[in-house]
Amino acid sequence: MNRTSAPVRPAVTDAWEGLVTTALLGTDRRTPPGSRPGPQAPVALLDAAAVETVRRRAGLRPARAAERPRPAPEDPRPPLPSAAARRLSLLLADRPGTAGGRRGTTPDLMELLPQWLALANARGYAPPPEALPALLDAARGRTDLRPAALEFAGPRALWLARLNPDWRFALRSAPGGGAAPPHLEDGDTVRTLWQEGLFAERVALLAALRSRDPAAARDLLATTWATERAEDRLMFLDSLRTGLGPDDEPFLEQALADRSRNVRATAAELLSALPGSALAARMAVRAEACVAVDHTGDAPALVVEAPHECDAGMERDGVVAKAPAGRGERSWWFGQLVEAAPLGTWSRRLGGRTPEEIVALPVTDDWQGELHAAWCRAAVRQGDAAWSRALLGEPSAPEAGGPGAVSLAERAKLLGTLDAAERAEWVAGFIATHGLSEAFQLLGVCAVPWAAPLGRAVVDALNIARDAGSYPWSFSGVMGLAERCLDPSEANRLDALLAVPDEPENASPGAGGYWAEAFQRLVTTLRLRAAMTEELGAA
């Protein structure tokens, strides 16, 4: 019996299309082949479709086998200790919402994963291969985890990411999709990658070179600067923040004439962070013309005369001419001039006064808020700790905002210019005076683990809040920070807070029990963090 294959596919296709047409028209108007009209027609249609589906699948020819994936690369790092590997599995198995609405005394393991990853990376361990899928899933769901998670996951995670579309973010996050960066001493390879590499590879190369040899990175950028796209120039220019110094001034001065407004603004910002730059000097002259000391009253006071126009020179130096909605143009220009002027300008301009003395001077005509806010931004940009202290004032001052800081965000930024010990001491004093209601953002800039005075201040404030009879939920943010940031050695000192206290008459019903539960979770988490550190071994 002769067999021919030519008519098979058209017949199958025609039969399937006929069934689809019948389904669209309805079996009342058209019945499938071999079936009579009536109540059994829909069943017959489904049966025919099932048979035809099997025929269509059976008619498919096997595709050619794809190339076998290359073996996963080796990870030369030492493996995790067995106890730490088990701990990692527990941390990765925890998911938000798996414990129901209220956590009780159970630690939030996912919130401990960033600390665990930091410790593991510091020790130089490699992950167990079987943990890589869960680790990539965790990094996929939390972008804040990605840098540490991908560093810990190593080259095998990137190998996996090429095989699973859900993990492609790892290829985007790792420059070159996991390709090893070139040896920076190999000039030819560096130049080739800079000229021919993908954008992410070039950004990573420039950042790595800048951290090692700022001048070489700047010179490399200069070779292609004129031909780069505006958005790429902006990203590359931002990498010069690392190792910024006086030698960068000529390049940044040229960038002030860039076609892109954003590039010009970034160049001006970087130049203003160099107090000895020509731009900083020009801004100082403009700012000095706006502020003077008035001696005609009972006590010296600062008077402000904001600029009346934004000329071409100001715009070239990064002053944005158009004010945001709701802002007056003159105050907008004035704030930008003061922010960009070197802070050393003001001692010379204002009779040799110290930053504390300058900030203490009254300012006429309601200009104090604008002037002090601009000084806050300048102190952060220039990293001037002396001015930050003056603007913060004493943490025990009656006004929580201090003499110069007008918002919690500004206070947090000013604290960032102080060293870790001084920062912790200031925040501890603030909490001792003002409590925890405004402390959350300030605690976020303190080094982890918290210094002993800061930790004691937080625990004492939580204890005071408990004794006041309110529920602990108002302090859940601070309690969560304490779980992650309090020194684990404080756990034993907290044992006295685990008992349910006697509730005062005006206390919220059951508040004491909820507080005991919250403190139990805090103590449990601190001991868990201590165990994590011990399992990963000494640094």
Protein backbone atom coordinates (compact mmCIF):
# COMPACT_ATOMS: atom_id res chain seq x y z
CA MET A 1 0.00 0.00 0.00
CA ASN A 2 1.49 3.30 -1.08
CA ARG A 3 1.53 6.15 1.43
CA THR A 4 1.82 9.80 0.60
CA SER A 5 2.27 12.55 3.15
CA ALA A 6 1.36 15.56 1.02
CA PRO A 7 -2.42 15.73 1.71
CA VAL A 8 -2.15 15.08 5.46
CA ARG A 9 -1.48 18.60 6.75
CA PRO A 10 -4.12 20.41 4.59
CA ALA A 11 -6.75 17.85 5.63
CA VAL A 12 -5.94 18.29 9.30
CA THR A 13 -5.95 22.06 8.98
CA ASP A 14 -9.27 22.12 7.12
CA ALA A 15 -10.89 19.83 9.69
CA TRP A 16 -9.76 22.00 12.59
CA GLU A 17 -10.93 25.20 10.94
CA GLY A 18 -14.31 23.57 10.28
CA LEU A 19 -14.68 22.73 13.96
CA VAL A 20 -13.75 26.28 14.95
CA THR A 21 -16.35 27.66 12.53
CA THR A 22 -18.99 25.32 13.98
CA ALA A 23 -18.15 26.49 17.50
CA LEU A 24 -18.45 30.13 16.46
CA LEU A 25 -21.77 29.68 14.65
CA GLY A 26 -23.25 27.39 17.30
CA THR A 27 -24.44 23.80 16.95
CA ASP A 28 -28.01 25.01 16.42
CA ARG A 29 -26.95 26.41 13.04
CA ARG A 30 -24.22 23.94 12.11
CA THR A 31 -23.38 20.47 13.38
CA PRO A 32 -19.98 18.79 13.38
CA PRO A 33 -19.35 16.11 10.73
CA GLY A 34 -21.11 12.82 11.45
CA SER A 35 -23.50 14.34 14.01
CA ARG A 36 -27.21 15.11 13.83
CA PRO A 37 -28.83 18.30 15.13
CA GLY A 38 -30.09 18.04 18.66
CA PRO A 39 -29.04 18.17 22.30
CA GLN A 40 -26.06 15.82 21.67
CA ALA A 41 -24.51 18.09 19.04
CA PRO A 42 -22.42 20.20 21.52
CA VAL A 43 -21.01 17.00 23.08
CA ALA A 44 -20.18 15.67 19.63
CA LEU A 45 -18.39 18.94 18.80
CA LEU A 46 -16.22 18.69 21.91
CA ASP A 47 -15.45 15.03 21.18
CA ALA A 48 -14.47 15.88 17.62
CA ALA A 49 -12.26 18.74 18.84
CA ALA A 50 -10.51 16.40 21.29
CA VAL A 51 -9.82 13.85 18.54
CA GLU A 52 -8.60 16.56 16.19
CA THR A 53 -6.28 17.96 18.89
CA VAL A 54 -4.63 14.56 19.27
CA ARG A 55 -4.25 14.30 15.50
CA ARG A 56 -2.65 17.77 15.30
CA ARG A 57 -0.16 16.99 18.05
CA ALA A 58 0.68 13.58 16.60
CA GLY A 59 1.44 15.23 13.30
CA LEU A 60 4.15 17.50 14.68
CA ARG A 61 7.66 16.53 13.75
CA PRO A 62 10.29 16.58 16.52
CA ALA A 63 12.43 19.70 16.46
CA ARG A 64 16.18 19.46 16.13
CA ALA A 65 17.85 19.13 19.50
CA ALA A 66 19.23 22.38 20.88
CA GLU A 67 22.85 22.73 21.81
CA ARG A 68 23.56 21.41 25.27
CA PRO A 69 24.27 24.26 27.77
CA ARG A 70 27.86 24.68 28.76
CA PRO A 71 28.72 23.51 32.27
CA ALA A 72 28.27 26.01 35.07
CA PRO A 73 31.49 27.82 35.98
CA GLU A 74 33.37 26.92 39.11
CA ASP A 75 33.09 29.13 42.19
CA PRO A 76 36.53 29.27 43.83
CA ARG A 77 35.27 30.64 47.14
CA PRO A 78 35.09 28.37 50.19
CA PRO A 79 31.69 26.77 50.87
CA LEU A 80 29.40 27.97 53.63
CA PRO A 81 29.69 26.24 56.99
CA SER A 82 26.87 23.72 57.32
CA ALA A 83 25.11 25.65 60.12
CA ALA A 84 25.18 28.85 58.04
CA ALA A 85 23.83 26.96 55.01
CA ARG A 86 20.87 25.72 57.08
CA ARG A 87 20.28 29.26 58.32
CA LEU A 88 20.26 30.57 54.76
CA SER A 89 17.61 28.03 53.81
CA LEU A 90 15.41 29.20 56.68
CA LEU A 91 15.86 32.87 55.75
CA LEU A 92 14.99 32.22 52.10
CA ALA A 93 11.97 30.09 53.01
CA ASP A 94 10.38 32.98 54.94
CA ARG A 95 7.93 35.02 52.88
CA PRO A 96 5.91 38.14 53.77
CA GLY A 97 2.42 37.29 54.91
CA THR A 98 3.06 33.61 55.62
CA ALA A 99 2.54 34.13 59.36
CA GLY A 100 -0.82 35.86 59.06
CA GLY A 101 -1.68 39.41 60.05
CA ARG A 102 0.15 39.75 63.37
CA ARG A 103 3.67 38.43 63.78
CA GLY A 104 3.54 37.72 67.50
CA THR A 105 6.97 36.82 68.82
CA THR A 106 8.24 35.40 65.50
CA PRO A 107 11.26 37.22 64.03
CA ASP A 108 10.92 38.64 60.53
CA LEU A 109 13.52 36.47 58.81
CA MET A 110 13.38 38.19 55.43
CA GLU A 111 14.38 41.46 57.09
CA LEU A 112 17.48 39.72 58.44
CA LEU A 113 18.54 38.45 55.02
CA PRO A 114 20.38 41.68 54.03
CA GLN A 115 22.51 41.48 57.19
CA TRP A 116 23.19 37.80 56.63
CA LEU A 117 24.29 38.47 53.04
CA ALA A 118 26.57 41.31 54.14
CA LEU A 119 28.24 39.04 56.68
CA ALA A 120 28.60 36.17 54.20
CA ASN A 121 30.10 38.47 51.57
CA ALA A 122 32.52 39.91 54.12
CA ARG A 123 33.65 36.36 54.95
CA GLY A 124 34.02 35.47 51.26
CA TYR A 125 31.82 32.37 51.23
CA ALA A 126 30.16 30.72 48.23
CA PRO A 127 26.49 29.66 48.41
CA PRO A 128 25.30 26.05 48.22
CA PRO A 129 24.28 25.42 44.57
CA GLU A 130 20.84 24.20 45.65
CA ALA A 131 20.14 27.57 47.32
CA LEU A 132 20.69 29.61 44.15
CA PRO A 133 17.10 29.42 42.76
CA ALA A 134 15.58 30.63 46.03
CA LEU A 135 18.26 33.32 46.33
CA LEU A 136 17.51 34.59 42.82
CA ASP A 137 13.77 34.54 43.53
CA ALA A 138 14.34 36.64 46.66
CA ALA A 139 16.46 39.14 44.72
CA ARG A 140 13.86 39.27 41.98
CA GLY A 141 11.20 40.32 44.48
CA ARG A 142 13.36 42.87 46.35
CA THR A 143 15.58 45.21 44.37
CA ASP A 144 17.34 46.35 47.55
CA LEU A 145 18.69 42.81 47.95
CA ARG A 146 20.13 42.52 44.46
CA PRO A 147 23.66 43.93 44.86
CA ALA A 148 24.49 41.82 47.93
CA ALA A 149 22.55 38.77 46.70
CA LEU A 150 24.27 38.72 43.30
CA GLU A 151 27.68 39.26 44.86
CA PHE A 152 27.07 36.28 47.14
CA ALA A 153 25.45 34.15 44.40
CA GLY A 154 28.52 34.46 42.20
CA PRO A 155 29.05 33.24 38.61
CA ARG A 156 26.75 30.23 38.85
CA ALA A 157 23.72 32.44 39.44
CA LEU A 158 24.48 34.30 36.22
CA TRP A 159 24.75 30.97 34.42
CA LEU A 160 21.30 30.07 35.73
CA ALA A 161 19.91 33.49 34.80
CA ARG A 162 20.68 32.84 31.13
CA LEU A 163 18.43 29.78 31.28
CA ASN A 164 15.41 31.30 33.07
CA PRO A 165 13.71 34.49 31.82
CA ASP A 166 12.46 35.22 35.36
CA TRP A 167 16.05 35.79 36.47
CA ARG A 168 17.22 37.94 33.57
CA PHE A 169 17.42 40.90 35.95
CA ALA A 170 20.69 39.36 37.18
CA LEU A 171 22.22 39.79 33.73
CA ARG A 172 21.15 43.42 33.65
CA SER A 173 22.37 44.06 37.19
CA ALA A 174 25.75 42.43 36.61
CA PRO A 175 27.86 44.41 34.12
CA GLY A 176 28.46 42.36 31.02
CA GLY A 177 26.03 39.67 32.13
CA GLY A 178 28.58 38.19 34.44
CA ALA A 179 31.63 38.60 32.26
CA ALA A 180 34.69 39.20 34.38
CA PRO A 181 35.84 42.83 34.31
CA PRO A 182 39.14 43.37 32.50
CA HIS A 183 42.37 43.84 34.35
CA LEU A 184 42.62 47.59 34.70
CA GLU A 185 46.34 47.42 34.07
CA ASP A 186 45.65 46.12 30.54
CA GLY A 187 45.26 49.41 28.71
CA ASP A 188 44.38 47.92 25.33
CA THR A 189 41.60 45.75 26.77
CA VAL A 190 40.23 48.68 28.78
CA ARG A 191 40.14 50.93 25.71
CA THR A 192 38.51 48.22 23.61
CA LEU A 193 35.79 47.60 26.17
CA TRP A 194 35.21 51.33 26.56
CA GLN A 195 34.81 51.83 22.82
CA GLU A 196 32.90 48.64 21.96
CA GLY A 197 31.21 47.45 25.16
CA LEU A 198 27.57 47.62 26.13
CA PHE A 199 26.42 50.64 28.12
CA ALA A 200 26.26 48.72 31.42
CA GLU A 201 29.76 47.37 30.82
CA ARG A 202 31.10 50.85 30.14
CA VAL A 203 29.47 52.31 33.27
CA ALA A 204 30.93 49.52 35.39
CA LEU A 205 34.35 49.92 33.80
CA LEU A 206 34.39 53.67 34.39
CA ALA A 207 33.28 53.25 38.02
CA ALA A 208 35.93 50.60 38.69
CA LEU A 209 38.67 52.65 37.07
CA ARG A 210 37.55 55.83 38.82
CA SER A 211 37.76 54.19 42.25
CA ARG A 212 41.31 53.05 41.46
CA ASP A 213 42.75 55.83 39.30
CA PRO A 214 40.52 58.92 39.06
CA ALA A 215 42.71 60.67 36.50
CA ALA A 216 42.81 57.65 34.17
CA ALA A 217 39.01 57.33 34.34
CA ARG A 218 38.53 60.99 33.52
CA ASP A 219 40.98 60.79 30.61
CA LEU A 220 39.22 57.69 29.27
CA LEU A 221 35.87 59.49 29.41
CA ALA A 222 37.35 62.48 27.58
CA THR A 223 38.31 60.32 24.59
CA THR A 224 34.65 59.72 23.64
CA TRP A 225 32.85 62.55 25.43
CA ALA A 226 31.98 64.53 22.30
CA THR A 227 30.29 61.56 20.62
CA GLU A 228 28.27 60.23 23.58
CA ARG A 229 24.50 60.61 23.83
CA ALA A 230 23.24 63.20 26.32
CA GLU A 231 21.71 60.61 28.67
CA ASP A 232 24.96 58.62 28.59
CA ARG A 233 27.07 61.72 29.25
CA LEU A 234 24.94 62.40 32.32
CA MET A 235 25.49 58.90 33.71
CA PHE A 236 29.22 58.96 32.98
CA LEU A 237 29.61 62.42 34.51
CA ASP A 238 27.91 61.27 37.68
CA SER A 239 30.65 58.65 38.13
CA LEU A 240 33.13 61.48 38.74
CA ARG A 241 31.64 61.96 42.22
CA THR A 242 33.96 59.16 43.31
CA GLY A 243 37.39 60.64 43.95
CA LEU A 244 36.27 64.15 42.98
CA GLY A 245 39.18 66.57 43.23
CA PRO A 246 40.69 69.80 41.88
CA ASP A 247 42.19 67.99 38.88
CA ASP A 248 38.66 67.38 37.58
CA GLU A 249 37.89 71.10 37.34
CA PRO A 250 39.01 71.72 33.71
CA PHE A 251 36.89 68.84 32.42
CA LEU A 252 33.87 69.94 34.46
CA GLU A 253 34.26 73.55 33.33
CA GLN A 254 34.03 72.34 29.72
CA ALA A 255 30.89 70.37 30.64
CA LEU A 256 29.24 73.64 31.75
CA ALA A 257 28.85 74.42 28.04
CA ASP A 258 27.21 71.07 27.24
CA ARG A 259 24.11 70.98 25.06
CA SER A 260 22.16 69.08 27.74
CA ARG A 261 20.73 71.08 30.65
CA ASN A 262 20.97 68.08 32.96
CA VAL A 263 24.65 67.59 32.13
CA ARG A 264 25.32 71.28 32.78
CA ALA A 265 23.49 71.11 36.11
CA THR A 266 25.45 68.04 37.23
CA ALA A 267 28.76 69.62 36.23
CA ALA A 268 27.86 72.75 38.20
CA GLU A 269 26.92 70.67 41.24
CA LEU A 270 30.23 68.82 41.15
CA LEU A 271 32.19 72.05 40.75
CA SER A 272 30.37 73.65 43.67
CA ALA A 273 31.52 70.71 45.81
CA LEU A 274 35.10 71.88 45.12
CA PRO A 275 35.45 75.00 47.29
CA GLY A 276 38.56 76.09 45.41
CA SER A 277 37.01 75.92 41.94
CA ALA A 278 36.47 78.96 39.74
CA LEU A 279 32.72 78.27 39.71
CA ALA A 280 32.63 78.23 43.52
CA ALA A 281 34.42 81.57 43.53
CA ARG A 282 31.93 83.06 41.06
CA MET A 283 29.03 81.78 43.14
CA ALA A 284 30.63 83.20 46.29
CA VAL A 285 30.78 86.68 44.75
CA ARG A 286 27.12 86.47 43.75
CA ALA A 287 25.99 85.10 47.14
CA GLU A 288 28.02 87.68 49.10
CA ALA A 289 26.24 90.45 47.23
CA CYS A 290 22.92 89.12 48.57
CA VAL A 291 23.69 88.90 52.34
CA ALA A 292 25.05 91.51 54.72
CA VAL A 293 25.05 92.36 58.44
CA ASP A 294 22.79 95.18 59.55
CA HIS A 295 24.16 97.03 62.62
CA THR A 296 21.46 99.69 62.81
CA GLY A 297 19.21 97.80 65.25
CA ASP A 298 19.66 96.83 68.87
CA ALA A 299 21.57 93.72 67.80
CA PRO A 300 23.29 92.68 64.56
CA ALA A 301 21.01 90.98 62.04
CA LEU A 302 21.37 89.55 58.56
CA VAL A 303 19.64 91.30 55.70
CA VAL A 304 18.98 89.61 52.37
CA GLU A 305 18.68 91.24 48.96
CA ALA A 306 17.89 88.45 46.52
CA PRO A 307 18.96 88.78 42.87
CA HIS A 308 16.56 90.60 40.58
CA GLU A 309 17.42 88.58 37.47
CA CYS A 310 19.05 85.35 36.39
CA ASP A 311 21.62 86.39 33.80
CA ALA A 312 23.39 84.22 31.24
CA GLY A 313 26.44 83.78 33.46
CA MET A 314 24.31 82.42 36.31
CA GLU A 315 22.57 80.01 33.97
CA ARG A 316 25.91 78.78 32.61
CA ASP A 317 27.03 78.13 36.18
CA GLY A 318 24.04 75.88 36.81
CA VAL A 319 21.39 78.24 38.18
CA VAL A 320 17.99 77.09 36.93
CA ALA A 321 16.11 80.18 35.79
CA LYS A 322 12.55 78.87 35.93
CA ALA A 323 11.24 78.52 39.48
CA PRO A 324 9.00 75.57 40.44
CA ALA A 325 5.31 76.20 40.85
CA GLY A 326 4.60 78.05 44.08
CA ARG A 327 8.13 79.46 44.46
CA GLY A 328 9.08 83.07 43.88
CA GLU A 329 11.80 83.55 41.27
CA ARG A 330 14.05 85.69 43.44
CA SER A 331 14.01 83.33 46.40
CA TRP A 332 14.59 80.40 44.00
CA TRP A 333 17.68 82.06 42.49
CA PHE A 334 18.94 83.16 45.89
CA GLY A 335 18.73 79.65 47.34
CA GLN A 336 20.73 78.21 44.45
CA LEU A 337 23.47 80.84 44.82
CA VAL A 338 23.88 80.24 48.56
CA GLU A 339 23.82 76.48 48.12
CA ALA A 340 26.65 76.59 45.57
CA ALA A 341 28.85 79.11 47.41
CA PRO A 342 31.71 77.73 49.57
CA LEU A 343 30.68 77.86 53.22
CA GLY A 344 34.01 79.45 54.10
CA THR A 345 32.70 82.52 52.29
CA TRP A 346 30.41 83.46 55.15
CA SER A 347 32.98 83.73 57.91
CA ARG A 348 34.97 86.17 55.77
CA ARG A 349 31.88 88.05 54.68
CA LEU A 350 30.29 88.28 58.13
CA GLY A 351 33.10 89.64 60.30
CA GLY A 352 35.00 86.42 61.06
CA ARG A 353 32.09 84.82 62.91
CA THR A 354 32.00 81.06 63.47
CA PRO A 355 29.27 78.94 61.88
CA GLU A 356 27.43 78.78 65.24
CA GLU A 357 27.52 82.57 65.56
CA ILE A 358 26.36 83.07 61.98
CA VAL A 359 23.43 80.64 62.31
CA ALA A 360 22.40 82.34 65.57
CA LEU A 361 22.05 85.78 63.90
CA PRO A 362 18.44 86.84 63.27
CA VAL A 363 17.47 87.29 59.62
CA THR A 364 15.15 90.10 58.63
CA ASP A 365 12.08 90.05 56.39
CA ASP A 366 11.28 86.33 56.75
CA TRP A 367 14.35 85.22 54.81
CA GLN A 368 15.66 82.95 57.58
CA GLY A 369 13.99 79.77 56.34
CA GLU A 370 15.30 80.19 52.79
CA LEU A 371 18.82 81.14 53.93
CA HIS A 372 19.17 78.35 56.48
CA ALA A 373 17.73 75.73 54.11
CA ALA A 374 20.31 76.72 51.48
CA TRP A 375 23.10 76.49 54.08
CA CYS A 376 21.84 72.99 54.97
CA ARG A 377 22.10 71.89 51.34
CA ALA A 378 25.55 73.46 51.04
CA ALA A 379 26.79 71.70 54.20
CA VAL A 380 25.64 68.34 52.84
CA ARG A 381 27.07 68.94 49.36
CA GLN A 382 30.43 70.10 50.71
CA GLY A 383 30.52 67.58 53.57
CA ASP A 384 31.17 70.34 56.11
CA ALA A 385 30.78 68.87 59.59
CA ALA A 386 31.30 72.21 61.39
CA TRP A 387 28.41 73.84 59.55
CA SER A 388 26.27 70.72 60.02
CA ARG A 389 26.78 70.92 63.79
CA ALA A 390 25.84 74.60 63.78
CA LEU A 391 22.68 74.00 61.74
CA LEU A 392 21.65 70.97 63.80
CA GLY A 393 22.17 72.75 67.09
CA GLU A 394 21.99 70.91 70.39
CA PRO A 395 19.82 67.79 70.29
CA SER A 396 18.20 68.87 73.56
CA ALA A 397 17.06 72.22 72.12
CA PRO A 398 13.38 72.96 72.79
CA GLU A 399 12.62 73.06 69.07
CA ALA A 400 13.25 69.65 67.55
CA GLY A 401 14.13 71.27 64.23
CA GLY A 402 17.26 72.98 65.52
CA PRO A 403 18.31 76.47 64.53
CA GLY A 404 18.84 75.73 60.86
CA ALA A 405 17.32 72.38 59.86
CA VAL A 406 13.75 72.86 58.76
CA SER A 407 12.76 69.25 58.16
CA LEU A 408 13.50 65.73 59.30
CA ALA A 409 15.00 64.96 55.90
CA GLU A 410 17.46 67.85 56.21
CA ARG A 411 18.44 66.83 59.73
CA ALA A 412 19.12 63.29 58.52
CA LYS A 413 21.30 64.57 55.67
CA LEU A 414 23.24 66.89 58.00
CA LEU A 415 23.87 63.99 60.37
CA GLY A 416 25.37 62.08 57.46
CA THR A 417 28.33 64.50 57.39
CA LEU A 418 29.30 63.63 60.98
CA ASP A 419 31.32 60.59 61.99
CA ALA A 420 29.43 57.54 63.22
CA ALA A 421 30.08 58.09 66.94
CA GLU A 422 29.03 61.75 66.90
CA ARG A 423 25.97 60.93 64.80
CA ALA A 424 24.84 58.27 67.29
CA GLU A 425 25.45 60.58 70.25
CA TRP A 426 23.39 63.39 68.71
CA VAL A 427 20.45 61.10 67.86
CA ALA A 428 20.59 59.59 71.36
CA GLY A 429 20.33 63.07 72.85
CA PHE A 430 17.47 63.93 70.51
CA ILE A 431 15.52 60.82 71.56
CA ALA A 432 16.15 61.47 75.25
CA THR A 433 14.56 64.92 74.86
CA HIS A 434 11.92 64.50 72.16
CA GLY A 435 11.09 60.78 72.28
CA LEU A 436 10.65 58.48 69.31
CA SER A 437 7.84 60.17 67.41
CA GLU A 438 10.25 62.01 65.06
CA ALA A 439 13.29 59.76 65.42
CA PHE A 440 12.64 57.08 62.79
CA GLN A 441 14.30 58.92 59.88
CA LEU A 442 17.24 59.98 62.05
CA LEU A 443 17.83 56.42 63.25
CA GLY A 444 18.05 55.30 59.63
CA VAL A 445 21.32 57.19 59.08
CA CYS A 446 23.07 55.72 62.14
CA ALA A 447 25.70 53.03 61.76
CA VAL A 448 24.74 49.40 62.47
CA PRO A 449 24.96 48.02 65.08
CA TRP A 450 23.92 51.08 67.04
CA ALA A 451 26.42 52.46 69.51
CA ALA A 452 25.66 51.67 73.15
CA PRO A 453 24.37 55.18 74.10
CA LEU A 454 21.98 55.20 71.14
CA GLY A 455 20.75 51.68 71.83
CA ARG A 456 20.06 52.53 75.48
CA ALA A 457 18.22 55.70 74.47
CA VAL A 458 15.94 53.77 72.09
CA VAL A 459 15.18 51.03 74.63
CA ASP A 460 14.52 53.57 77.40
CA ALA A 461 12.15 55.50 75.13
CA LEU A 462 10.29 52.30 74.21
CA ASN A 463 10.01 51.44 77.89
CA ILE A 464 8.58 54.90 78.64
CA ALA A 465 6.05 54.45 75.83
CA ARG A 466 5.04 51.08 77.29
CA ASP A 467 4.56 52.56 80.74
CA ALA A 468 2.34 55.26 79.23
CA GLY A 469 -0.19 52.54 78.40
CA SER A 470 -0.43 53.03 74.64
CA TYR A 471 -0.32 50.22 72.10
CA PRO A 472 3.10 49.34 70.59
CA TRP A 473 1.86 49.60 67.01
CA SER A 474 2.58 53.34 66.92
CA PHE A 475 6.24 52.43 67.38
CA SER A 476 6.36 49.44 65.03
CA GLY A 477 8.79 51.21 62.68
CA VAL A 478 11.28 51.96 65.45
CA MET A 479 10.82 48.48 66.90
CA GLY A 480 11.59 46.98 63.50
CA LEU A 481 14.75 49.09 63.25
CA ALA A 482 15.77 48.01 66.75
CA GLU A 483 15.41 44.37 65.75
CA ARG A 484 17.85 44.90 62.87
CA CYS A 485 20.17 47.56 64.32
CA LEU A 486 20.41 47.13 68.11
CA ASP A 487 23.62 45.46 69.22
CA PRO A 488 22.82 41.77 69.89
CA SER A 489 24.73 42.03 73.17
CA GLU A 490 21.82 44.11 74.52
CA ALA A 491 19.53 41.05 74.54
CA ASN A 492 20.26 40.07 78.15
CA ARG A 493 19.53 43.59 79.36
CA LEU A 494 16.09 43.42 77.76
CA ASP A 495 14.97 40.28 79.64
CA ALA A 496 13.45 42.45 82.36
CA LEU A 497 10.98 43.87 79.81
CA LEU A 498 9.50 40.52 78.79
CA ALA A 499 7.01 40.27 81.65
CA VAL A 500 3.50 41.65 81.16
CA PRO A 501 3.38 44.88 83.21
CA ASP A 502 0.56 46.03 85.44
CA GLU A 503 -1.65 48.26 83.36
CA PRO A 504 -2.57 51.74 84.68
CA GLU A 505 -6.21 52.72 84.78
CA ASN A 506 -6.00 54.84 81.64
CA ALA A 507 -4.06 52.23 79.62
CA SER A 508 -5.35 50.80 76.36
CA PRO A 509 -6.94 47.37 76.96
CA GLY A 510 -4.37 44.58 76.62
CA ALA A 511 -1.54 46.97 75.75
CA GLY A 512 0.81 45.42 78.32
CA GLY A 513 0.53 42.00 76.70
CA TYR A 514 1.19 43.38 73.26
CA TRP A 515 4.27 45.21 74.55
CA ALA A 516 5.59 42.04 76.17
CA GLU A 517 5.07 40.26 72.86
CA ALA A 518 6.94 42.98 70.96
CA PHE A 519 9.88 42.92 73.39
CA GLN A 520 9.97 39.11 73.19
CA ARG A 521 10.24 39.35 69.41
CA LEU A 522 13.02 41.95 69.79
CA VAL A 523 15.01 39.74 72.16
CA THR A 524 14.49 36.66 70.00
CA THR A 525 15.65 38.54 66.92
CA LEU A 526 18.76 39.88 68.66
CA ARG A 527 19.76 36.38 69.76
CA LEU A 528 19.08 35.09 66.27
CA ARG A 529 21.42 37.76 64.84
CA ALA A 530 24.10 36.74 67.33
CA ALA A 531 23.71 33.12 66.24
CA MET A 532 23.96 34.14 62.56
CA THR A 533 27.27 35.88 63.21
CA GLU A 534 28.64 32.92 65.13
CA GLU A 535 27.60 30.45 62.42
CA LEU A 536 29.42 32.43 59.75
CA GLY A 537 32.60 32.46 61.82
CA ALA A 538 35.05 35.22 62.66
CA ALA A 539 36.01 37.75 60.01
